Amino acid sequence: MIIRPNPLEPFRPLYELPKGTWMVVNMGGRGSGKSRESSKWGNLEVTVKGKRIVILRDEKSTIADSILNEIKNRFTELDEKANGLYSRAFQVNQYDITHIESKKKVLFTKGFRASSNEKQANLKSLSDVDIAIIEEFEDITDEFAFNKFADGVRNEGSIIFINSNIPDMNHWFIRRYYDLDDTEFDGYYKLRPKTIEGVVFLFSTYETNPHLPKHIKAKYKAYGDSSSPFYDQHYYLTQILGYCSSGRKGQIFKNWKRICNEEFTQLPYKSYFGLDFGWSESPMALVETKQHNGRIYARQLIYERYLDLKQLGIKLIELGFTANDLIVADSAEPKTINKLRNGWTAHELTPDEVSKYPQLLRGFYVVGASKGPDSVTNGINKVKEFELYLTEESTDWWLEYVNYCWAVDKNGNATDTPKEGNDHLMDALRYVLTAKGRLYD
């Protein structure tokens, strides 16, 4: 019997997966058909292609309400079209589907955690599956557990299929597999998949589902209509349109553009550097900037905790710094700046350090940033004067970018003071840009 799945347009790649595909990421908004289409695909993989599938959720006790029911429904529909052919070959049970002749479970369920009281379920049996479907992936917050699981799916040609609503931007999976593009809404972003070999990304919304009833579509639209009694902007943007949320409002900088590190290094402009000292729990942040025609090109060089001053000096040498490279640093640390500028004595270094890092004896070109009552606000305004390009590889800085927001008062209104905690690279950028005209042209 010839099976024609007739998938909705966003799901056609499921039936044309490139050779070497090891992961499929299926995300989108409500009403997009993603559960039905993925269950249809999974059912065909089991009954027609003879694949073995496991369905997982964070906690096994919730799996009864998962895509398992969708697959069982698709099985019934397929069996009816085939006049009972598949029910004669497969037995559908509460939590699995079994091949009657071999008595082998061709579809079964697991949980990353067997119950709310257990940290992790036994996932050892997953080495003999062809497809692992993970439902409600946004609940999988343990990156280590996922890595361990993924490394255990080892059949030739096996696929990890991720079915999920959109997690917020702090979820480890978003940081690993997506870049974020700004939208007109503060704190909400469109997901842009990174180019990763072997990973196929699917995205769909209710607008791509022609079978959704008109009254449901109208209700979905109403969530985004401020004049409607159903208005709920957060729900509309995240659950309906599939935007990624930071959970924060008042993002300070917007519309930064991405360039790759190779493009940055090839720019023929002089580099100027900003340094924010970070002691104890705060990271030390060093940024490099190049400036031309109203544009700033930037990248992070250092973002590291527990780095002492000598270790910083050694890192500067390893990065190729000379006595001519201007570093504008946090002027709240004058003694630290003087030490970096004047260098170490031979008695403060080991013979090996003197031999290997002679620049430590000479010091570096470090100058304190200009500070005053309004220096933070003035610095932010200075940054906003430029069109800014940040390297894709500056991952910590991109995270600061989306988290760098105005603090709010007791009434929830934005102030003119940035919220602390996501500002180390941002501070370093302010230091170097506000020195323009004072220390360099």
Protein backbone atom coordinates (compact mmCIF):
# COMPACT_ATOMS: atom_id res chain seq x y z
CA MET A 1 0.00 0.00 0.00
CA ILE A 2 1.35 3.45 -0.94
CA ILE A 3 1.33 5.95 1.93
CA ARG A 4 1.02 9.64 1.07
CA PRO A 5 1.62 11.74 4.17
CA ASN A 6 0.75 15.10 2.51
CA PRO A 7 2.47 17.19 5.21
CA LEU A 8 1.92 20.89 5.80
CA GLU A 9 4.56 22.99 4.08
CA PRO A 10 6.81 23.69 7.14
CA PHE A 11 7.07 19.91 7.77
CA ARG A 12 8.03 18.71 4.29
CA PRO A 13 11.74 18.59 5.26
CA LEU A 14 10.86 15.67 7.60
CA TYR A 15 10.39 13.46 4.56
CA GLU A 16 13.54 14.73 2.81
CA LEU A 17 16.07 14.75 5.65
CA PRO A 18 19.64 15.16 4.38
CA LYS A 19 22.04 12.31 4.88
CA GLY A 20 23.84 12.72 8.19
CA THR A 21 20.90 14.32 10.00
CA TRP A 22 21.15 13.45 13.70
CA MET A 23 18.79 16.02 15.20
CA VAL A 24 15.52 17.64 14.17
CA VAL A 25 14.29 20.64 16.16
CA ASN A 26 10.55 21.24 15.83
CA MET A 27 9.52 24.51 17.49
CA GLY A 28 6.77 27.03 16.93
CA GLY A 29 3.56 28.55 18.18
CA ARG A 30 0.22 27.05 19.15
CA GLY A 31 -2.10 25.78 16.45
CA SER A 32 0.72 25.23 13.98
CA GLY A 33 0.08 21.51 13.56
CA LYS A 34 3.50 20.55 14.88
CA SER A 35 2.19 17.80 17.19
CA ARG A 36 -0.04 16.25 14.53
CA GLU A 37 2.58 16.42 11.79
CA SER A 38 5.39 15.03 13.93
CA SER A 39 3.16 12.22 15.23
CA LYS A 40 2.19 11.36 11.64
CA TRP A 41 5.85 11.21 10.68
CA GLY A 42 6.74 9.14 13.75
CA ASN A 43 3.92 6.69 13.12
CA LEU A 44 5.03 6.11 9.53
CA GLU A 45 8.63 5.61 10.65
CA VAL A 46 7.46 2.80 12.96
CA THR A 47 4.83 1.03 10.90
CA VAL A 48 6.18 1.46 7.38
CA LYS A 49 9.96 1.85 7.78
CA GLY A 50 10.37 -0.45 10.77
CA LYS A 51 12.07 2.12 13.00
CA ARG A 52 12.17 1.88 16.79
CA ILE A 53 11.11 5.02 18.69
CA VAL A 54 11.34 6.15 22.29
CA ILE A 55 9.29 9.10 23.57
CA LEU A 56 10.76 11.05 26.46
CA ARG A 57 9.70 13.83 28.79
CA ASP A 58 11.44 15.36 31.74
CA GLU A 59 9.25 13.30 34.08
CA LYS A 60 7.79 9.98 32.98
CA SER A 61 4.56 10.41 34.96
CA THR A 62 3.46 13.16 32.55
CA ILE A 63 4.05 11.18 29.38
CA ALA A 64 0.48 9.90 29.07
CA ASP A 65 -0.50 13.35 27.79
CA SER A 66 2.36 13.52 25.29
CA ILE A 67 2.75 12.93 21.58
CA LEU A 68 2.21 9.24 22.41
CA ASN A 69 -1.56 9.78 22.19
CA GLU A 70 -1.12 11.65 18.91
CA ILE A 71 0.88 8.76 17.45
CA LYS A 72 -1.74 6.26 18.61
CA ASN A 73 -4.43 8.37 16.93
CA ARG A 74 -2.43 8.48 13.72
CA PHE A 75 -2.01 4.69 13.97
CA THR A 76 -5.79 4.26 14.13
CA GLU A 77 -6.29 6.54 11.13
CA LEU A 78 -3.61 4.70 9.15
CA ASP A 79 -5.01 1.30 10.10
CA GLU A 80 -8.49 2.28 8.95
CA LYS A 81 -7.13 3.35 5.57
CA ALA A 82 -5.28 0.03 5.31
CA ASN A 83 -8.33 -2.07 6.29
CA GLY A 84 -6.81 -3.32 9.54
CA LEU A 85 -3.40 -4.24 8.09
CA TYR A 86 -1.39 -2.53 10.82
CA SER A 87 -3.48 -3.68 13.79
CA ARG A 88 -2.78 -7.25 12.67
CA ALA A 89 0.97 -6.55 12.85
CA PHE A 90 1.17 -4.24 15.87
CA GLN A 91 -0.45 -4.16 19.29
CA VAL A 92 -1.15 -0.70 20.74
CA ASN A 93 -0.85 -0.59 24.54
CA GLN A 94 -1.14 2.24 27.08
CA TYR A 95 2.52 3.24 26.99
CA ASP A 96 3.94 1.44 23.95
CA ILE A 97 3.37 -0.20 20.60
CA THR A 98 4.60 -3.79 20.21
CA HIS A 99 5.38 -5.76 17.07
CA ILE A 100 3.20 -8.86 17.56
CA GLU A 101 5.40 -11.41 15.79
CA SER A 102 8.75 -10.43 17.34
CA LYS A 103 7.21 -9.25 20.66
CA LYS A 104 9.59 -6.28 20.45
CA LYS A 105 8.48 -2.85 21.58
CA VAL A 106 8.84 -0.62 18.54
CA LEU A 107 7.64 2.44 20.44
CA PHE A 108 8.05 2.97 24.17
CA THR A 109 8.38 5.75 26.73
CA LYS A 110 11.00 7.01 29.17
CA GLY A 111 11.53 9.97 31.48
CA PHE A 112 14.70 11.93 32.18
CA ARG A 113 13.43 11.72 35.75
CA ALA A 114 11.33 8.69 36.68
CA SER A 115 9.42 10.72 39.26
CA SER A 116 9.55 14.07 41.00
CA ASN A 117 11.64 12.45 43.75
CA GLU A 118 14.31 10.99 41.46
CA LYS A 119 17.01 12.98 39.73
CA GLN A 120 17.32 10.81 36.65
CA ALA A 121 15.75 7.71 35.18
CA ASN A 122 17.63 4.78 33.74
CA LEU A 123 18.30 5.66 30.08
CA LYS A 124 20.73 2.83 29.29
CA SER A 125 18.31 1.04 26.93
CA LEU A 126 18.33 3.93 24.45
CA SER A 127 21.33 2.68 22.48
CA ASP A 128 19.00 0.48 20.42
CA VAL A 129 16.56 3.13 19.20
CA ASP A 130 16.38 4.81 15.81
CA ILE A 131 14.41 7.90 16.85
CA ALA A 132 14.22 9.58 20.25
CA ILE A 133 11.35 12.07 20.45
CA ILE A 134 11.64 14.52 23.34
CA GLU A 135 8.39 16.24 24.30
CA GLU A 136 8.11 19.56 26.16
CA PHE A 137 11.83 20.08 25.69
CA GLU A 138 11.71 23.43 27.46
CA ASP A 139 11.46 21.42 30.73
CA ILE A 140 14.87 19.80 30.11
CA THR A 141 17.02 22.26 32.04
CA ASP A 142 19.91 19.91 32.84
CA GLU A 143 22.36 20.32 29.95
CA PHE A 144 24.68 17.61 31.29
CA ALA A 145 21.83 15.08 31.46
CA PHE A 146 20.85 15.85 27.88
CA ASN A 147 24.44 15.51 26.63
CA LYS A 148 24.76 12.15 28.36
CA PHE A 149 21.46 11.00 26.87
CA ALA A 150 22.30 12.23 23.35
CA ASP A 151 25.66 10.44 23.39
CA GLY A 152 23.83 7.22 24.22
CA VAL A 153 21.67 7.27 21.06
CA ARG A 154 24.15 5.46 18.84
CA ASN A 155 22.32 3.48 16.16
CA GLU A 156 23.53 4.20 12.64
CA GLY A 157 21.33 6.96 11.25
CA SER A 158 19.53 7.55 14.56
CA ILE A 159 17.75 10.88 15.08
CA ILE A 160 16.93 12.95 18.14
CA PHE A 161 13.64 14.73 17.48
CA ILE A 162 12.90 17.72 19.71
CA ASN A 163 9.29 18.85 20.03
CA SER A 164 8.95 22.06 22.01
CA ASN A 165 7.34 25.37 22.67
CA ILE A 166 9.82 28.23 22.66
CA PRO A 167 11.95 28.31 25.84
CA ASP A 168 13.09 31.68 27.13
CA MET A 169 16.43 33.04 26.00
CA ASN A 170 18.28 31.85 29.11
CA HIS A 171 17.63 28.19 28.34
CA TRP A 172 20.89 26.43 27.53
CA PHE A 173 19.43 24.99 24.32
CA ILE A 174 18.61 28.43 22.93
CA ARG A 175 22.13 29.67 23.65
CA ARG A 176 23.65 26.62 21.99
CA TYR A 177 21.55 26.33 18.85
CA TYR A 178 20.11 29.78 18.08
CA ASP A 179 21.01 33.40 17.60
CA LEU A 180 18.47 36.06 18.59
CA ASP A 181 17.22 38.79 16.28
CA ASP A 182 15.62 41.94 17.68
CA THR A 183 11.94 42.69 17.19
CA GLU A 184 9.95 45.86 17.78
CA PHE A 185 8.98 44.47 21.21
CA ASP A 186 11.28 44.96 24.19
CA GLY A 187 12.55 41.66 25.55
CA TYR A 188 11.26 39.50 22.67
CA TYR A 189 13.33 38.00 19.88
CA LYS A 190 12.99 35.98 16.72
CA LEU A 191 15.01 32.79 16.71
CA ARG A 192 17.62 32.40 13.97
CA PRO A 193 19.03 28.85 13.82
CA LYS A 194 22.78 28.53 13.84
CA THR A 195 24.36 26.55 11.03
CA ILE A 196 25.18 23.23 12.69
CA GLU A 197 26.05 20.17 10.64
CA GLY A 198 23.47 17.42 10.94
CA VAL A 199 20.78 19.56 12.60
CA VAL A 200 17.51 20.39 10.79
CA PHE A 201 15.31 23.18 12.18
CA LEU A 202 11.54 23.38 11.67
CA PHE A 203 9.42 26.38 12.62
CA SER A 204 5.68 26.88 12.26
CA THR A 205 2.83 29.06 13.53
CA TYR A 206 -0.94 29.04 13.22
CA GLU A 207 -0.51 31.15 10.09
CA THR A 208 1.13 28.20 8.32
CA ASN A 209 -1.73 25.83 9.19
CA PRO A 210 -4.57 26.15 6.63
CA HIS A 211 -6.69 23.55 8.50
CA LEU A 212 -7.07 25.60 11.68
CA PRO A 213 -10.71 26.76 12.13
CA LYS A 214 -11.35 30.44 11.46
CA HIS A 215 -12.71 31.11 14.96
CA ILE A 216 -9.49 29.72 16.51
CA LYS A 217 -7.37 31.92 14.26
CA ALA A 218 -9.48 34.92 15.21
CA LYS A 219 -8.98 34.18 18.90
CA TYR A 220 -5.21 33.85 18.43
CA LYS A 221 -5.11 37.23 16.71
CA ALA A 222 -7.18 38.74 19.52
CA TYR A 223 -4.41 37.99 22.01
CA GLY A 224 -2.29 40.53 20.14
CA ASP A 225 -5.02 43.17 19.80
CA SER A 226 -4.82 45.77 22.58
CA SER A 227 -8.51 46.63 22.09
CA SER A 228 -9.64 43.03 22.63
CA PRO A 229 -10.78 41.61 26.01
CA PHE A 230 -8.47 38.66 25.23
CA TYR A 231 -5.40 40.91 24.91
CA ASP A 232 -2.28 39.30 26.38
CA GLN A 233 0.83 40.51 24.64
CA HIS A 234 3.26 38.13 26.33
CA TYR A 235 1.09 35.10 25.52
CA TYR A 236 0.60 36.32 21.96
CA LEU A 237 4.29 36.89 21.26
CA THR A 238 5.59 33.71 22.90
CA GLN A 239 2.85 31.09 22.59
CA ILE A 240 1.22 32.24 19.34
CA LEU A 241 4.00 33.84 17.27
CA GLY A 242 6.80 31.77 18.76
CA TYR A 243 9.07 34.61 19.87
CA CYS A 244 11.74 33.99 22.46
CA SER A 245 11.40 36.04 25.62
CA SER A 246 14.03 37.40 27.96
CA GLY A 247 11.39 37.88 30.64
CA ARG A 248 12.68 41.43 30.90
CA LYS A 249 11.58 44.82 29.64
CA GLY A 250 13.57 47.93 28.97
CA GLN A 251 16.49 46.55 26.99
CA ILE A 252 18.99 49.38 26.71
CA PHE A 253 20.68 48.61 23.39
CA LYS A 254 18.98 47.34 20.25
CA ASN A 255 19.72 46.51 16.65
CA TRP A 256 23.33 45.47 17.10
CA LYS A 257 24.54 43.57 14.06
CA ARG A 258 26.65 40.44 13.82
CA ILE A 259 29.94 39.90 12.06
CA CYS A 260 32.29 36.95 12.25
CA ASN A 261 35.68 37.08 13.93
CA GLU A 262 37.48 36.75 10.60
CA GLU A 263 35.71 39.85 9.27
CA PHE A 264 36.69 41.75 12.39
CA THR A 265 40.38 40.86 12.19
CA GLN A 266 40.52 41.94 8.54
CA LEU A 267 39.20 45.45 9.25
CA PRO A 268 42.11 47.88 8.55
CA TYR A 269 41.41 50.18 11.51
CA LYS A 270 43.35 50.78 14.71
CA SER A 271 42.16 48.92 17.80
CA TYR A 272 41.33 50.53 21.15
CA PHE A 273 40.55 48.49 24.24
CA GLY A 274 38.28 48.75 27.29
CA LEU A 275 38.88 46.91 30.57
CA ASP A 276 36.52 46.33 33.49
CA PHE A 277 38.25 44.86 36.52
CA GLY A 278 36.41 41.96 38.04
CA TRP A 279 37.44 40.54 41.36
CA SER A 280 35.96 37.67 43.36
CA GLU A 281 32.65 36.61 41.77
CA SER A 282 32.60 39.28 39.06
CA PRO A 283 34.28 38.48 35.74
CA MET A 284 37.11 40.58 34.37
CA ALA A 285 36.09 41.88 30.95
CA LEU A 286 38.35 43.11 28.15
CA VAL A 287 36.93 44.32 24.84
CA GLU A 288 38.52 45.34 21.57
CA THR A 289 36.97 48.02 19.37
CA LYS A 290 37.63 49.37 15.89
CA GLN A 291 35.93 52.57 14.80
CA HIS A 292 35.18 54.02 11.36
CA ASN A 293 32.54 56.33 9.84
CA GLY A 294 30.08 56.19 12.72
CA ARG A 295 30.42 52.46 13.17
CA ILE A 296 31.90 50.51 16.06
CA TYR A 297 33.20 47.01 15.48
CA ALA A 298 33.75 45.08 18.70
CA ARG A 299 34.59 41.72 20.22
CA GLN A 300 35.26 40.30 23.65
CA LEU A 301 38.81 39.19 24.40
CA ILE A 302 38.60 38.27 28.08
CA TYR A 303 35.60 37.36 30.21
CA GLU A 304 36.91 35.44 33.18
CA ARG A 305 36.45 35.19 36.93
CA TYR A 306 39.15 34.77 39.59
CA LEU A 307 41.84 36.32 37.42
CA ASP A 308 44.56 38.10 39.41
CA LEU A 309 46.55 41.03 38.07
CA LYS A 310 49.64 39.09 37.05
CA GLN A 311 47.49 36.53 35.25
CA LEU A 312 45.82 39.40 33.42
CA GLY A 313 49.24 40.75 32.39
CA ILE A 314 50.25 37.35 31.06
CA LYS A 315 46.99 37.07 29.10
CA LEU A 316 47.58 40.51 27.58
CA ILE A 317 51.04 39.38 26.43
CA GLU A 318 49.60 36.16 24.99
CA LEU A 319 47.03 38.25 23.12
CA GLY A 320 49.89 40.24 21.55
CA PHE A 321 49.55 43.53 23.43
CA THR A 322 52.42 45.98 23.13
CA ALA A 323 53.25 49.28 24.89
CA ASN A 324 51.37 51.14 22.11
CA ASP A 325 47.97 49.47 22.61
CA LEU A 326 45.66 51.83 24.51
CA ILE A 327 43.58 50.20 27.25
CA VAL A 328 40.98 52.38 28.98
CA ALA A 329 40.21 50.82 32.36
CA ASP A 330 37.90 51.34 35.31
CA SER A 331 39.29 54.38 37.10
CA ALA A 332 37.86 53.16 40.42
CA GLU A 333 40.99 51.01 40.65
CA PRO A 334 43.88 53.57 40.45
CA LYS A 335 46.41 51.32 42.21
CA THR A 336 45.60 48.49 39.85
CA ILE A 337 45.96 50.78 36.83
CA ASN A 338 49.33 52.04 38.10
CA LYS A 339 50.55 48.49 38.54
CA LEU A 340 49.56 47.50 35.02
CA ARG A 341 51.08 50.71 33.63
CA ASN A 342 54.37 50.58 35.56
CA GLY A 343 54.87 46.85 35.49
CA TRP A 344 56.37 44.41 37.98
CA THR A 345 59.86 44.32 39.40
CA ALA A 346 62.09 41.33 38.80
CA HIS A 347 61.72 40.39 42.48
CA GLU A 348 57.95 40.10 42.04
CA LEU A 349 58.31 37.58 39.22
CA THR A 350 59.81 34.14 38.98
CA PRO A 351 62.91 33.73 36.77
CA ASP A 352 60.75 31.81 34.31
CA GLU A 353 58.20 34.66 34.16
CA VAL A 354 60.99 37.23 33.61
CA SER A 355 62.36 35.13 30.77
CA LYS A 356 59.04 34.23 29.19
CA TYR A 357 57.12 37.48 29.74
CA PRO A 358 59.58 40.42 29.75
CA GLN A 359 56.67 42.78 28.94
CA LEU A 360 55.58 42.37 32.57
CA LEU A 361 58.63 44.39 33.58
CA ARG A 362 57.73 47.24 31.21
CA GLY A 363 53.99 47.37 31.82
CA PHE A 364 51.16 48.36 29.47
CA TYR A 365 49.52 51.51 28.13
CA VAL A 366 46.62 51.66 30.62
CA VAL A 367 44.66 54.87 31.35
CA GLY A 368 41.71 55.36 33.70
CA ALA A 369 38.26 56.03 32.30
CA SER A 370 36.62 59.39 32.86
CA LYS A 371 33.98 59.10 35.56
CA GLY A 372 31.49 61.49 37.09
CA PRO A 373 27.91 61.71 38.42
CA ASP A 374 26.39 61.01 35.00
CA SER A 375 29.19 58.93 33.49
CA VAL A 376 27.06 55.79 33.08
CA THR A 377 24.22 57.60 31.33
CA ASN A 378 26.64 59.62 29.21
CA GLY A 379 28.50 56.45 28.29
CA ILE A 380 25.30 54.69 27.24
CA ASN A 381 24.31 57.69 25.13
CA LYS A 382 27.77 57.68 23.57
CA VAL A 383 27.41 54.04 22.56
CA LYS A 384 24.01 54.81 21.02
CA GLU A 385 25.61 57.36 18.71
CA PHE A 386 27.21 54.53 16.76
CA GLU A 387 26.03 51.67 14.59
CA LEU A 388 27.48 48.68 16.39
CA TYR A 389 28.77 45.40 14.97
CA LEU A 390 29.67 42.64 17.43
CA THR A 391 31.37 39.37 16.55
CA GLU A 392 29.23 36.24 16.68
CA GLU A 393 31.91 34.57 18.77
CA SER A 394 31.42 37.08 21.62
CA THR A 395 28.89 34.79 23.29
CA ASP A 396 29.11 36.29 26.79
CA TRP A 397 28.64 39.75 25.34
CA TRP A 398 25.57 38.75 23.35
CA LEU A 399 24.11 37.40 26.58
CA GLU A 400 24.83 40.71 28.30
CA TYR A 401 23.29 42.52 25.33
CA VAL A 402 19.87 40.94 25.77
CA ASN A 403 20.01 41.19 29.57
CA TYR A 404 21.32 44.76 29.80
CA CYS A 405 18.13 46.54 30.87
CA TRP A 406 17.00 49.60 32.77
CA ALA A 407 16.24 48.96 36.42
CA VAL A 408 12.62 49.51 37.44
CA ASP A 409 11.18 51.37 40.42
CA LYS A 410 8.69 50.00 42.94
CA ASN A 411 5.86 50.65 40.50
CA GLY A 412 7.53 48.67 37.74
CA ASN A 413 8.49 51.74 35.71
CA ALA A 414 11.88 51.93 34.03
CA THR A 415 14.48 54.23 35.61
CA ASP A 416 17.53 55.80 33.95
CA THR A 417 19.88 53.42 35.79
CA PRO A 418 20.93 50.04 34.31
CA LYS A 419 20.17 46.93 36.30
CA GLU A 420 23.37 45.58 37.80
CA GLY A 421 24.82 42.18 37.00
CA ASN A 422 24.92 42.06 33.19
CA ASP A 423 27.26 44.97 32.60
CA HIS A 424 30.93 43.95 32.68
CA LEU A 425 31.57 43.96 28.94
CA MET A 426 29.14 46.85 28.55
CA ASP A 427 31.11 48.88 31.11
CA ALA A 428 34.35 48.13 29.28
CA LEU A 429 32.76 49.36 26.05
CA ARG A 430 31.63 52.58 27.73
CA TYR A 431 35.13 53.23 29.08
CA VAL A 432 36.80 53.03 25.69
CA LEU A 433 34.17 54.99 23.77
CA THR A 434 33.94 57.88 26.25
CA ALA A 435 37.72 58.25 25.92
CA LYS A 436 37.32 59.17 22.27
CA GLY A 437 38.39 62.78 21.78
CA ARG A 438 40.27 62.75 25.09
CA LEU A 439 42.79 59.96 24.58
CA TYR A 440 42.43 59.29 20.86
CA ASP A 441 40.73 60.76 17.81
